[in-house]
Amino acid sequence: MKALVTLLIIIFAGALAIAQTPQTDDKINTTEVGVVLVDSSDNTGDEKKIQITDETSVARLYRYANARVNKELAFATKKSYGKLA
């Protein structure tokens, strides 16, 4: 009985909420954009320039992305081990 009354209250509240929302039919304003055609792509200016540097630094490679974090979080304490009975 309690479940039935709860279900009826939820349905009644939902119907009341739907009835309160106003129906608006707004029209969408559209804009038209023209298209420009290009005959050739000889001089587009999208050339990338590569700079070579003589930087010598040490890089560490890890197999997994979070290997360093996992290593630091994997510390062990006295309470990490189980007790023997």
C-alpha atoms as a PDB file:
ATOM      1  CA  MET A   1       0.000   0.000   0.000  1.00  0.00           C
ATOM      2  CA  LYS A   2       2.846   2.333   0.895  1.00  0.00           C
ATOM      3  CA  ALA A   3       4.566   1.681  -2.450  1.00  0.00           C
ATOM      4  CA  LEU A   4       1.347   2.318  -4.352  1.00  0.00           C
ATOM      5  CA  VAL A   5       0.747   5.645  -2.638  1.00  0.00           C
ATOM      6  CA  THR A   6       4.370   6.681  -3.262  1.00  0.00           C
ATOM      7  CA  LEU A   7       4.066   5.777  -6.945  1.00  0.00           C
ATOM      8  CA  LEU A   8       0.840   7.766  -7.295  1.00  0.00           C
ATOM      9  CA  ILE A   9       2.426  10.821  -5.623  1.00  0.00           C
ATOM     10  CA  ILE A  10       5.428  10.658  -7.979  1.00  0.00           C
ATOM     11  CA  ILE A  11       3.185  10.356 -11.051  1.00  0.00           C
ATOM     12  CA  PHE A  12       0.969  13.226  -9.845  1.00  0.00           C
ATOM     13  CA  ALA A  13       3.998  15.468  -9.173  1.00  0.00           C
ATOM     14  CA  GLY A  14       5.431  14.675 -12.618  1.00  0.00           C
ATOM     15  CA  ALA A  15       2.152  15.464 -14.356  1.00  0.00           C
ATOM     16  CA  LEU A  16       1.868  18.703 -12.424  1.00  0.00           C
ATOM     17  CA  ALA A  17       5.422  19.692 -13.391  1.00  0.00           C
ATOM     18  CA  ILE A  18       4.770  18.971 -17.072  1.00  0.00           C
ATOM     19  CA  ALA A  19       1.546  21.008 -16.980  1.00  0.00           C
ATOM     20  CA  GLN A  20       3.385  24.030 -15.523  1.00  0.00           C
ATOM     21  CA  THR A  21       5.995  24.330 -18.285  1.00  0.00           C
ATOM     22  CA  PRO A  22       4.887  26.741 -21.024  1.00  0.00           C
ATOM     23  CA  GLN A  23       4.976  25.585 -24.628  1.00  0.00           C
ATOM     24  CA  THR A  24       7.109  27.948 -26.692  1.00  0.00           C
ATOM     25  CA  ASP A  25       7.687  27.464 -30.378  1.00  0.00           C
ATOM     26  CA  ASP A  26      10.608  29.753 -31.077  1.00  0.00           C
ATOM     27  CA  LYS A  27      11.850  30.064 -34.615  1.00  0.00           C
ATOM     28  CA  ILE A  28      15.548  29.772 -35.283  1.00  0.00           C
ATOM     29  CA  ASN A  29      17.216  32.663 -37.061  1.00  0.00           C
ATOM     30  CA  THR A  30      19.444  31.375 -39.830  1.00  0.00           C
ATOM     31  CA  THR A  31      22.268  33.208 -41.549  1.00  0.00           C
ATOM     32  CA  GLU A  32      23.637  32.460 -44.976  1.00  0.00           C
ATOM     33  CA  VAL A  33      27.376  32.455 -45.564  1.00  0.00           C
ATOM     34  CA  GLY A  34      28.899  32.721 -49.020  1.00  0.00           C
ATOM     35  CA  VAL A  35      31.580  30.344 -50.299  1.00  0.00           C
ATOM     36  CA  VAL A  36      34.894  31.506 -51.749  1.00  0.00           C
ATOM     37  CA  LEU A  37      36.642  29.213 -54.223  1.00  0.00           C
ATOM     38  CA  VAL A  38      40.444  29.203 -54.533  1.00  0.00           C
ATOM     39  CA  ASP A  39      41.987  28.237 -57.867  1.00  0.00           C
ATOM     40  CA  SER A  40      45.375  27.047 -56.596  1.00  0.00           C
ATOM     41  CA  SER A  41      47.144  26.420 -53.325  1.00  0.00           C
ATOM     42  CA  ASP A  42      50.640  27.582 -54.365  1.00  0.00           C
ATOM     43  CA  ASN A  43      51.027  30.449 -51.941  1.00  0.00           C
ATOM     44  CA  THR A  44      48.941  29.578 -48.904  1.00  0.00           C
ATOM     45  CA  GLY A  45      51.506  30.509 -46.235  1.00  0.00           C
ATOM     46  CA  ASP A  46      51.052  27.330 -44.208  1.00  0.00           C
ATOM     47  CA  GLU A  47      54.719  26.349 -44.303  1.00  0.00           C
ATOM     48  CA  LYS A  48      56.159  25.032 -41.052  1.00  0.00           C
ATOM     49  CA  LYS A  49      59.639  26.025 -39.986  1.00  0.00           C
ATOM     50  CA  ILE A  50      61.741  23.576 -38.004  1.00  0.00           C
ATOM     51  CA  GLN A  51      64.367  24.851 -35.597  1.00  0.00           C
ATOM     52  CA  ILE A  52      67.204  22.548 -34.592  1.00  0.00           C
ATOM     53  CA  THR A  53      68.569  23.015 -31.084  1.00  0.00           C
ATOM     54  CA  ASP A  54      71.678  21.576 -29.465  1.00  0.00           C
ATOM     55  CA  GLU A  55      70.009  20.858 -26.148  1.00  0.00           C
ATOM     56  CA  THR A  56      71.383  17.873 -24.281  1.00  0.00           C
ATOM     57  CA  SER A  57      69.140  16.700 -21.475  1.00  0.00           C
ATOM     58  CA  VAL A  58      68.352  13.379 -19.875  1.00  0.00           C
ATOM     59  CA  ALA A  59      64.941  11.937 -20.566  1.00  0.00           C
ATOM     60  CA  ARG A  60      63.520   8.990 -18.695  1.00  0.00           C
ATOM     61  CA  LEU A  61      61.270   6.637 -20.575  1.00  0.00           C
ATOM     62  CA  TYR A  62      58.619   4.711 -18.693  1.00  0.00           C
ATOM     63  CA  ARG A  63      56.564   1.925 -20.104  1.00  0.00           C
ATOM     64  CA  TYR A  64      53.414   3.228 -18.419  1.00  0.00           C
ATOM     65  CA  ALA A  65      52.365   6.845 -18.076  1.00  0.00           C
ATOM     66  CA  ASN A  66      51.927   6.742 -14.291  1.00  0.00           C
ATOM     67  CA  ALA A  67      54.917   4.504 -13.501  1.00  0.00           C
ATOM     68  CA  ARG A  68      56.641   7.143 -11.401  1.00  0.00           C
ATOM     69  CA  VAL A  69      53.494   7.892  -9.400  1.00  0.00           C
ATOM     70  CA  ASN A  70      52.771   4.206  -8.840  1.00  0.00           C
ATOM     71  CA  LYS A  71      56.326   3.605  -7.652  1.00  0.00           C
ATOM     72  CA  GLU A  72      56.048   6.417  -5.109  1.00  0.00           C
ATOM     73  CA  LEU A  73      52.647   5.212  -3.886  1.00  0.00           C
ATOM     74  CA  ALA A  74      53.753   1.588  -3.488  1.00  0.00           C
ATOM     75  CA  PHE A  75      55.671   2.096  -0.245  1.00  0.00           C
ATOM     76  CA  ALA A  76      55.361  -0.532   2.486  1.00  0.00           C
ATOM     77  CA  THR A  77      54.984  -0.059   6.235  1.00  0.00           C
ATOM     78  CA  LYS A  78      54.932  -2.455   9.187  1.00  0.00           C
ATOM     79  CA  LYS A  79      51.147  -2.490   9.084  1.00  0.00           C
ATOM     80  CA  SER A  80      51.091  -3.471   5.397  1.00  0.00           C
ATOM     81  CA  TYR A  81      51.959  -7.072   6.161  1.00  0.00           C
ATOM     82  CA  GLY A  82      49.475  -9.552   7.621  1.00  0.00           C
ATOM     83  CA  LYS A  83      49.907 -10.922  11.120  1.00  0.00           C
ATOM     84  CA  LEU A  84      50.658 -14.555  11.750  1.00  0.00           C
ATOM     85  CA  ALA A  85      48.347 -16.315  14.199  1.00  0.00           C
END
